[in-house]
């Protein structure tokens, strides 16, 4: 599983950059990084409850 990716001098990223996909428990950015899904278009199944 890829959790962190580090790269530099690639396309427009000259300096070293870290892409982290590690989950965090705080909800500080939840409002701007999530959106509601219309239940008619994508109903919840048993695994999403």
C-alpha atoms as a PDB file:
ATOM      1  CA  UNK A   1       0.000   0.000   0.000  1.00  0.00           C
ATOM      2  CA  UNK A   2       1.360   3.420  -0.940  1.00  0.00           C
ATOM      3  CA  UNK A   3       1.209   5.787   2.038  1.00  0.00           C
ATOM      4  CA  UNK A   4       3.903   8.334   1.244  1.00  0.00           C
ATOM      5  CA  UNK A   5       5.595   9.395  -1.987  1.00  0.00           C
ATOM      6  CA  UNK A   6       8.645  11.687  -2.042  1.00  0.00           C
ATOM      7  CA  UNK A   7       9.985  13.314  -5.227  1.00  0.00           C
ATOM      8  CA  UNK A   8      11.942  16.315  -6.511  1.00  0.00           C
ATOM      9  CA  UNK A   9      12.925  17.920  -9.805  1.00  0.00           C
ATOM     10  CA  UNK A  10       9.934  16.415 -11.563  1.00  0.00           C
ATOM     11  CA  UNK A  11       8.000  18.615 -13.999  1.00  0.00           C
ATOM     12  CA  UNK A  12       7.113  21.802 -12.090  1.00  0.00           C
ATOM     13  CA  UNK A  13       8.282  20.508  -8.679  1.00  0.00           C
ATOM     14  CA  UNK A  14      11.910  21.610  -8.325  1.00  0.00           C
ATOM     15  CA  UNK A  15      12.264  21.234  -4.558  1.00  0.00           C
ATOM     16  CA  UNK A  16      11.626  17.977  -2.722  1.00  0.00           C
ATOM     17  CA  UNK A  17       7.901  17.410  -2.178  1.00  0.00           C
ATOM     18  CA  UNK A  18       6.121  14.783  -0.099  1.00  0.00           C
ATOM     19  CA  UNK A  19       2.694  13.454  -0.980  1.00  0.00           C
ATOM     20  CA  UNK A  20       1.244  11.850   2.141  1.00  0.00           C
ATOM     21  CA  UNK A  21      -1.955   9.816   2.094  1.00  0.00           C
ATOM     22  CA  UNK A  22      -1.940   8.981   5.780  1.00  0.00           C
ATOM     23  CA  UNK A  23      -5.339   9.380   7.426  1.00  0.00           C
ATOM     24  CA  UNK A  24      -5.795  11.842  10.260  1.00  0.00           C
ATOM     25  CA  UNK A  25      -8.442  11.784  12.961  1.00  0.00           C
ATOM     26  CA  UNK A  26      -9.208  15.504  13.208  1.00  0.00           C
ATOM     27  CA  UNK A  27     -11.922  17.009  11.034  1.00  0.00           C
ATOM     28  CA  UNK A  28     -10.177  20.313  10.379  1.00  0.00           C
ATOM     29  CA  UNK A  29     -10.328  20.053   6.561  1.00  0.00           C
ATOM     30  CA  UNK A  30     -13.417  17.886   6.271  1.00  0.00           C
ATOM     31  CA  UNK A  31     -15.679  20.697   5.011  1.00  0.00           C
ATOM     32  CA  UNK A  32     -13.465  21.641   2.077  1.00  0.00           C
ATOM     33  CA  UNK A  33     -12.343  18.114   1.136  1.00  0.00           C
ATOM     34  CA  UNK A  34     -15.679  16.283   1.146  1.00  0.00           C
ATOM     35  CA  UNK A  35     -19.053  16.720  -0.498  1.00  0.00           C
ATOM     36  CA  UNK A  36     -22.518  15.212   0.014  1.00  0.00           C
ATOM     37  CA  UNK A  37     -23.657  12.465  -2.348  1.00  0.00           C
ATOM     38  CA  UNK A  38     -27.210  12.309  -3.615  1.00  0.00           C
ATOM     39  CA  UNK A  39     -28.719   9.115  -2.140  1.00  0.00           C
ATOM     40  CA  UNK A  40     -30.749   8.453  -5.276  1.00  0.00           C
ATOM     41  CA  UNK A  41     -27.617   8.405  -7.430  1.00  0.00           C
ATOM     42  CA  UNK A  42     -25.443   6.402  -5.057  1.00  0.00           C
ATOM     43  CA  UNK A  43     -27.325   4.615  -2.280  1.00  0.00           C
ATOM     44  CA  UNK A  44     -25.394   3.461   0.771  1.00  0.00           C
ATOM     45  CA  UNK A  45     -24.757  -0.218   1.077  1.00  0.00           C
ATOM     46  CA  UNK A  46     -24.028  -2.227   4.227  1.00  0.00           C
ATOM     47  CA  UNK A  47     -20.267  -1.510   4.110  1.00  0.00           C
ATOM     48  CA  UNK A  48     -20.721   2.298   4.299  1.00  0.00           C
ATOM     49  CA  UNK A  49     -22.822   2.483   7.443  1.00  0.00           C
END
